[in-house]
Amino acid sequence: MRRDEVAQQAGEPIDWSTAQVDTTDRRTRAAYTVSFDSDDKLIQWLEAEAGRRGMNPIELMRDLLGEAYRRAA
């Protein structure tokens, strides 16, 4: 489809008369970003410990947070 055809279709009205609402429950996800200086001892430990356990740092952080959560409960 050419650009001018796409632009033309974008300007045309949409017929929603046969549309159906999807009421399926959807699981939401949250993402958090953590940044470290490259010489930070914590990041060095995290990478080394993840390697020792055969996982990546994200998996290790998830496991450590899960453990902290269970201990706090």
PDB file of N, CA and C in Angstrom:
ATOM      1  N   MET A   1       0.838  -1.173   0.000  1.00  0.00           N
ATOM      2  CA  MET A   1       0.000   0.000   0.000  1.00  0.00           C
ATOM      3  C   MET A   1       0.889   1.244   0.000  1.00  0.00           C
ATOM      4  N   ARG A   2       0.544   2.194  -0.831  1.00  0.00           N
ATOM      5  CA  ARG A   2       1.333   3.418  -0.943  1.00  0.00           C
ATOM      6  C   ARG A   2       0.959   4.404   0.149  1.00  0.00           C
ATOM      7  N   ARG A   3       1.829   5.353   0.370  1.00  0.00           N
ATOM      8  CA  ARG A   3       1.619   6.368   1.395  1.00  0.00           C
ATOM      9  C   ARG A   3       0.331   7.151   1.202  1.00  0.00           C
ATOM     10  N   ASP A   4       0.053   7.526  -0.027  1.00  0.00           N
ATOM     11  CA  ASP A   4      -1.155   8.316  -0.267  1.00  0.00           C
ATOM     12  C   ASP A   4      -2.412   7.491   0.006  1.00  0.00           C
ATOM     13  N   GLU A   5      -2.351   6.177  -0.245  1.00  0.00           N
ATOM     14  CA  GLU A   5      -3.491   5.310   0.052  1.00  0.00           C
ATOM     15  C   GLU A   5      -3.701   5.181   1.569  1.00  0.00           C
ATOM     16  N   VAL A   6      -2.606   5.059   2.295  1.00  0.00           N
ATOM     17  CA  VAL A   6      -2.682   4.974   3.752  1.00  0.00           C
ATOM     18  C   VAL A   6      -3.259   6.267   4.316  1.00  0.00           C
ATOM     19  N   ALA A   7      -2.786   7.386   3.824  1.00  0.00           N
ATOM     20  CA  ALA A   7      -3.286   8.683   4.290  1.00  0.00           C
ATOM     21  C   ALA A   7      -4.770   8.837   3.981  1.00  0.00           C
ATOM     22  N   GLN A   8      -5.192   8.372   2.820  1.00  0.00           N
ATOM     23  CA  GLN A   8      -6.599   8.467   2.452  1.00  0.00           C
ATOM     24  C   GLN A   8      -7.447   7.608   3.394  1.00  0.00           C
ATOM     25  N   GLN A   9      -7.005   6.378   3.651  1.00  0.00           N
ATOM     26  CA  GLN A   9      -7.758   5.492   4.537  1.00  0.00           C
ATOM     27  C   GLN A   9      -7.795   6.024   5.965  1.00  0.00           C
ATOM     28  N   ALA A  10      -6.741   6.661   6.383  1.00  0.00           N
ATOM     29  CA  ALA A  10      -6.690   7.199   7.741  1.00  0.00           C
ATOM     30  C   ALA A  10      -7.728   8.293   7.932  1.00  0.00           C
ATOM     31  N   GLY A  11      -8.057   8.981   6.890  1.00  0.00           N
ATOM     32  CA  GLY A  11      -9.032  10.055   6.984  1.00  0.00           C
ATOM     33  C   GLY A  11     -10.471   9.587   6.851  1.00  0.00           C
ATOM     34  N   GLU A  12     -10.671   8.334   6.470  1.00  0.00           N
ATOM     35  CA  GLU A  12     -12.025   7.817   6.284  1.00  0.00           C
ATOM     36  C   GLU A  12     -12.610   7.369   7.623  1.00  0.00           C
ATOM     37  N   PRO A  13     -13.922   7.509   7.795  1.00  0.00           N
ATOM     38  CA  PRO A  13     -14.549   7.071   9.051  1.00  0.00           C
ATOM     39  C   PRO A  13     -14.485   5.549   9.202  1.00  0.00           C
ATOM     40  N   ILE A  14     -14.475   5.095  10.429  1.00  0.00           N
ATOM     41  CA  ILE A  14     -14.426   3.662  10.734  1.00  0.00           C
ATOM     42  C   ILE A  14     -15.808   3.225  11.191  1.00  0.00           C
ATOM     43  N   ASP A  15     -16.273   2.115  10.659  1.00  0.00           N
ATOM     44  CA  ASP A  15     -17.570   1.568  11.051  1.00  0.00           C
ATOM     45  C   ASP A  15     -17.368   0.646  12.261  1.00  0.00           C
ATOM     46  N   TRP A  16     -17.806   1.092  13.429  1.00  0.00           N
ATOM     47  CA  TRP A  16     -17.664   0.323  14.660  1.00  0.00           C
ATOM     48  C   TRP A  16     -18.942  -0.445  15.010  1.00  0.00           C
ATOM     49  N   SER A  17     -19.917  -0.472  14.120  1.00  0.00           N
ATOM     50  CA  SER A  17     -21.226  -1.059  14.441  1.00  0.00           C
ATOM     51  C   SER A  17     -21.151  -2.562  14.737  1.00  0.00           C
ATOM     52  N   THR A  18     -20.160  -3.246  14.231  1.00  0.00           N
ATOM     53  CA  THR A  18     -20.051  -4.688  14.493  1.00  0.00           C
ATOM     54  C   THR A  18     -18.935  -5.012  15.483  1.00  0.00           C
ATOM     55  N   ALA A  19     -18.366  -3.990  16.090  1.00  0.00           N
ATOM     56  CA  ALA A  19     -17.271  -4.207  17.035  1.00  0.00           C
ATOM     57  C   ALA A  19     -17.780  -4.897  18.295  1.00  0.00           C
ATOM     58  N   GLN A  20     -16.913  -5.689  18.928  1.00  0.00           N
ATOM     59  CA  GLN A  20     -17.252  -6.360  20.173  1.00  0.00           C
ATOM     60  C   GLN A  20     -16.232  -5.987  21.232  1.00  0.00           C
ATOM     61  N   VAL A  21     -16.702  -5.809  22.457  1.00  0.00           N
ATOM     62  CA  VAL A  21     -15.832  -5.451  23.561  1.00  0.00           C
ATOM     63  C   VAL A  21     -15.174  -6.711  24.105  1.00  0.00           C
ATOM     64  N   ASP A  22     -13.883  -6.667  24.269  1.00  0.00           N
ATOM     65  CA  ASP A  22     -13.143  -7.783  24.848  1.00  0.00           C
ATOM     66  C   ASP A  22     -13.050  -7.546  26.351  1.00  0.00           C
ATOM     67  N   THR A  23     -13.740  -8.356  27.130  1.00  0.00           N
ATOM     68  CA  THR A  23     -13.748  -8.192  28.584  1.00  0.00           C
ATOM     69  C   THR A  23     -12.837  -9.193  29.284  1.00  0.00           C
ATOM     70  N   THR A  24     -11.973  -9.845  28.544  1.00  0.00           N
ATOM     71  CA  THR A  24     -11.042 -10.809  29.117  1.00  0.00           C
ATOM     72  C   THR A  24     -10.119 -10.104  30.102  1.00  0.00           C
ATOM     73  N   ASP A  25      -9.978 -10.704  31.288  1.00  0.00           N
ATOM     74  CA  ASP A  25      -9.038 -10.152  32.259  1.00  0.00           C
ATOM     75  C   ASP A  25      -7.630 -10.249  31.700  1.00  0.00           C
ATOM     76  N   ARG A  26      -6.892  -9.176  31.836  1.00  0.00           N
ATOM     77  CA  ARG A  26      -5.509  -9.156  31.349  1.00  0.00           C
ATOM     78  C   ARG A  26      -4.581  -8.887  32.515  1.00  0.00           C
ATOM     79  N   ARG A  27      -3.546  -9.649  32.562  1.00  0.00           N
ATOM     80  CA  ARG A  27      -2.549  -9.475  33.611  1.00  0.00           C
ATOM     81  C   ARG A  27      -1.670  -8.281  33.260  1.00  0.00           C
ATOM     82  N   THR A  28      -1.455  -7.420  34.212  1.00  0.00           N
ATOM     83  CA  THR A  28      -0.575  -6.280  33.970  1.00  0.00           C
ATOM     84  C   THR A  28       0.815  -6.603  34.491  1.00  0.00           C
ATOM     85  N   ARG A  29       1.796  -5.918  33.970  1.00  0.00           N
ATOM     86  CA  ARG A  29       3.176  -6.110  34.386  1.00  0.00           C
ATOM     87  C   ARG A  29       3.754  -4.753  34.755  1.00  0.00           C
ATOM     88  N   ALA A  30       4.711  -4.776  35.630  1.00  0.00           N
ATOM     89  CA  ALA A  30       5.419  -3.562  36.015  1.00  0.00           C
ATOM     90  C   ALA A  30       6.904  -3.781  35.777  1.00  0.00           C
ATOM     91  N   ALA A  31       7.569  -2.750  35.358  1.00  0.00           N
ATOM     92  CA  ALA A  31       9.013  -2.825  35.140  1.00  0.00           C
ATOM     93  C   ALA A  31       9.678  -1.682  35.893  1.00  0.00           C
ATOM     94  N   TYR A  32      10.762  -1.981  36.545  1.00  0.00           N
ATOM     95  CA  TYR A  32      11.529  -0.985  37.285  1.00  0.00           C
ATOM     96  C   TYR A  32      12.942  -0.957  36.732  1.00  0.00           C
ATOM     97  N   THR A  33      13.508   0.213  36.692  1.00  0.00           N
ATOM     98  CA  THR A  33      14.869   0.371  36.196  1.00  0.00           C
ATOM     99  C   THR A  33      15.778   0.742  37.360  1.00  0.00           C
ATOM    100  N   VAL A  34      16.892   0.055  37.431  1.00  0.00           N
ATOM    101  CA  VAL A  34      17.895   0.345  38.451  1.00  0.00           C
ATOM    102  C   VAL A  34      19.191   0.637  37.720  1.00  0.00           C
ATOM    103  N   SER A  35      19.830   1.721  38.059  1.00  0.00           N
ATOM    104  CA  SER A  35      21.103   2.024  37.402  1.00  0.00           C
ATOM    105  C   SER A  35      22.215   2.079  38.449  1.00  0.00           C
ATOM    106  N   PHE A  36      23.371   1.622  38.054  1.00  0.00           N
ATOM    107  CA  PHE A  36      24.541   1.575  38.915  1.00  0.00           C
ATOM    108  C   PHE A  36      25.722   2.192  38.174  1.00  0.00           C
ATOM    109  N   ASP A  37      26.629   2.772  38.907  1.00  0.00           N
ATOM    110  CA  ASP A  37      27.902   3.163  38.310  1.00  0.00           C
ATOM    111  C   ASP A  37      28.668   1.878  38.015  1.00  0.00           C
ATOM    112  N   SER A  38      29.459   1.893  36.949  1.00  0.00           N
ATOM    113  CA  SER A  38      30.157   0.666  36.550  1.00  0.00           C
ATOM    114  C   SER A  38      31.147   0.176  37.603  1.00  0.00           C
ATOM    115  N   ASP A  39      31.620   1.072  38.467  1.00  0.00           N
ATOM    116  CA  ASP A  39      32.572   0.653  39.497  1.00  0.00           C
ATOM    117  C   ASP A  39      31.891   0.395  40.846  1.00  0.00           C
ATOM    118  N   ASP A  40      30.569   0.375  40.867  1.00  0.00           N
ATOM    119  CA  ASP A  40      29.817   0.130  42.093  1.00  0.00           C
ATOM    120  C   ASP A  40      30.049  -1.315  42.538  1.00  0.00           C
ATOM    121  N   LYS A  41      30.419  -1.504  43.797  1.00  0.00           N
ATOM    122  CA  LYS A  41      30.693  -2.847  44.325  1.00  0.00           C
ATOM    123  C   LYS A  41      29.440  -3.727  44.288  1.00  0.00           C
ATOM    124  N   LEU A  42      28.263  -3.142  44.458  1.00  0.00           N
ATOM    125  CA  LEU A  42      27.034  -3.926  44.444  1.00  0.00           C
ATOM    126  C   LEU A  42      26.793  -4.549  43.075  1.00  0.00           C
ATOM    127  N   ILE A  43      27.020  -3.786  42.016  1.00  0.00           N
ATOM    128  CA  ILE A  43      26.802  -4.329  40.666  1.00  0.00           C
ATOM    129  C   ILE A  43      27.847  -5.395  40.352  1.00  0.00           C
ATOM    130  N   GLN A  44      29.048  -5.201  40.831  1.00  0.00           N
ATOM    131  CA  GLN A  44      30.085  -6.217  40.624  1.00  0.00           C
ATOM    132  C   GLN A  44      29.707  -7.509  41.332  1.00  0.00           C
ATOM    133  N   TRP A  45      29.203  -7.392  42.569  1.00  0.00           N
ATOM    134  CA  TRP A  45      28.763  -8.576  43.300  1.00  0.00           C
ATOM    135  C   TRP A  45      27.576  -9.234  42.596  1.00  0.00           C
ATOM    136  N   LEU A  46      26.609  -8.419  42.166  1.00  0.00           N
ATOM    137  CA  LEU A  46      25.409  -8.938  41.516  1.00  0.00           C
ATOM    138  C   LEU A  46      25.763  -9.753  40.274  1.00  0.00           C
ATOM    139  N   GLU A  47      26.638  -9.228  39.451  1.00  0.00           N
ATOM    140  CA  GLU A  47      27.035  -9.941  38.236  1.00  0.00           C
ATOM    141  C   GLU A  47      27.800 -11.215  38.558  1.00  0.00           C
ATOM    142  N   ALA A  48      28.694 -11.155  39.533  1.00  0.00           N
ATOM    143  CA  ALA A  48      29.464 -12.337  39.909  1.00  0.00           C
ATOM    144  C   ALA A  48      28.556 -13.400  40.527  1.00  0.00           C
ATOM    145  N   GLU A  49      27.653 -12.985  41.404  1.00  0.00           N
ATOM    146  CA  GLU A  49      26.746 -13.941  42.060  1.00  0.00           C
ATOM    147  C   GLU A  49      25.786 -14.565  41.059  1.00  0.00           C
ATOM    148  N   ALA A  50      25.290 -13.766  40.135  1.00  0.00           N
ATOM    149  CA  ALA A  50      24.408 -14.302  39.095  1.00  0.00           C
ATOM    150  C   ALA A  50      25.160 -15.338  38.261  1.00  0.00           C
ATOM    151  N   GLY A  51      26.387 -15.044  37.892  1.00  0.00           N
ATOM    152  CA  GLY A  51      27.195 -15.994  37.131  1.00  0.00           C
ATOM    153  C   GLY A  51      27.453 -17.268  37.911  1.00  0.00           C
ATOM    154  N   ARG A  52      27.726 -17.128  39.206  1.00  0.00           N
ATOM    155  CA  ARG A  52      27.973 -18.295  40.060  1.00  0.00           C
ATOM    156  C   ARG A  52      26.738 -19.192  40.126  1.00  0.00           C
ATOM    157  N   ARG A  53      25.564 -18.565  40.127  1.00  0.00           N
ATOM    158  CA  ARG A  53      24.309 -19.325  40.207  1.00  0.00           C
ATOM    159  C   ARG A  53      23.799 -19.777  38.839  1.00  0.00           C
ATOM    160  N   GLY A  54      24.483 -19.357  37.773  1.00  0.00           N
ATOM    161  CA  GLY A  54      24.066 -19.750  36.423  1.00  0.00           C
ATOM    162  C   GLY A  54      22.812 -19.036  35.949  1.00  0.00           C
ATOM    163  N   MET A  55      22.667 -17.792  36.348  1.00  0.00           N
ATOM    164  CA  MET A  55      21.511 -16.997  35.928  1.00  0.00           C
ATOM    165  C   MET A  55      21.976 -15.609  35.549  1.00  0.00           C
ATOM    166  N   ASN A  56      21.072 -14.817  35.016  1.00  0.00           N
ATOM    167  CA  ASN A  56      21.457 -13.443  34.694  1.00  0.00           C
ATOM    168  C   ASN A  56      21.092 -12.539  35.880  1.00  0.00           C
ATOM    169  N   PRO A  57      21.638 -11.319  35.934  1.00  0.00           N
ATOM    170  CA  PRO A  57      21.392 -10.429  37.068  1.00  0.00           C
ATOM    171  C   PRO A  57      19.909 -10.120  37.311  1.00  0.00           C
ATOM    172  N   ILE A  58      19.102 -10.036  36.259  1.00  0.00           N
ATOM    173  CA  ILE A  58      17.677  -9.765  36.432  1.00  0.00           C
ATOM    174  C   ILE A  58      17.010 -10.920  37.174  1.00  0.00           C
ATOM    175  N   GLU A  59      17.323 -12.155  36.787  1.00  0.00           N
ATOM    176  CA  GLU A  59      16.759 -13.316  37.469  1.00  0.00           C
ATOM    177  C   GLU A  59      17.178 -13.337  38.939  1.00  0.00           C
ATOM    178  N   LEU A  60      18.431 -13.011  39.198  1.00  0.00           N
ATOM    179  CA  LEU A  60      18.921 -12.984  40.574  1.00  0.00           C
ATOM    180  C   LEU A  60      18.196 -11.919  41.381  1.00  0.00           C
ATOM    181  N   MET A  61      18.028 -10.727  40.814  1.00  0.00           N
ATOM    182  CA  MET A  61      17.317  -9.668  41.541  1.00  0.00           C
ATOM    183  C   MET A  61      15.884 -10.093  41.845  1.00  0.00           C
ATOM    184  N   ARG A  62      15.222 -10.754  40.888  1.00  0.00           N
ATOM    185  CA  ARG A  62      13.855 -11.230  41.107  1.00  0.00           C
ATOM    186  C   ARG A  62      13.827 -12.241  42.259  1.00  0.00           C
ATOM    187  N   ASP A  63      14.793 -13.161  42.260  1.00  0.00           N
ATOM    188  CA  ASP A  63      14.865 -14.151  43.333  1.00  0.00           C
ATOM    189  C   ASP A  63      15.133 -13.495  44.684  1.00  0.00           C
ATOM    190  N   LEU A  64      16.055 -12.552  44.723  1.00  0.00           N
ATOM    191  CA  LEU A  64      16.383 -11.883  45.976  1.00  0.00           C
ATOM    192  C   LEU A  64      15.205 -11.061  46.506  1.00  0.00           C
ATOM    193  N   LEU A  65      14.504 -10.400  45.610  1.00  0.00           N
ATOM    194  CA  LEU A  65      13.322  -9.642  46.045  1.00  0.00           C
ATOM    195  C   LEU A  65      12.226 -10.568  46.548  1.00  0.00           C
ATOM    196  N   GLY A  66      12.038 -11.697  45.882  1.00  0.00           N
ATOM    197  CA  GLY A  66      11.051 -12.674  46.317  1.00  0.00           C
ATOM    198  C   GLY A  66      11.382 -13.216  47.712  1.00  0.00           C
ATOM    199  N   GLU A  67      12.653 -13.482  47.916  1.00  0.00           N
ATOM    200  CA  GLU A  67      13.088 -13.971  49.231  1.00  0.00           C
ATOM    201  C   GLU A  67      12.864 -12.911  50.308  1.00  0.00           C
ATOM    202  N   ALA A  68      13.197 -11.674  50.017  1.00  0.00           N
ATOM    203  CA  ALA A  68      12.978 -10.582  50.974  1.00  0.00           C
ATOM    204  C   ALA A  68      11.489 -10.416  51.277  1.00  0.00           C
ATOM    205  N   TYR A  69      10.665 -10.555  50.264  1.00  0.00           N
ATOM    206  CA  TYR A  69       9.216 -10.435  50.448  1.00  0.00           C
ATOM    207  C   TYR A  69       8.696 -11.544  51.371  1.00  0.00           C
ATOM    208  N   ARG A  70       9.136 -12.782  51.135  1.00  0.00           N
ATOM    209  CA  ARG A  70       8.688 -13.903  51.958  1.00  0.00           C
ATOM    210  C   ARG A  70       9.142 -13.737  53.407  1.00  0.00           C
ATOM    211  N   ARG A  71      10.335 -13.242  53.609  1.00  0.00           N
ATOM    212  CA  ARG A  71      10.836 -13.035  54.971  1.00  0.00           C
ATOM    213  C   ARG A  71      10.075 -11.917  55.683  1.00  0.00           C
ATOM    214  N   ALA A  72       9.648 -10.920  54.940  1.00  0.00           N
ATOM    215  CA  ALA A  72       8.927  -9.784  55.537  1.00  0.00           C
ATOM    216  C   ALA A  72       7.484 -10.127  55.884  1.00  0.00           C
ATOM    217  N   ALA A  73       6.947 -11.159  55.227  1.00  0.00           N
ATOM    218  CA  ALA A  73       5.518 -11.510  55.422  1.00  0.00           C
ATOM    219  C   ALA A  73       5.272 -12.182  56.766  1.00  0.00           C
TER     220      ALA A  73
END
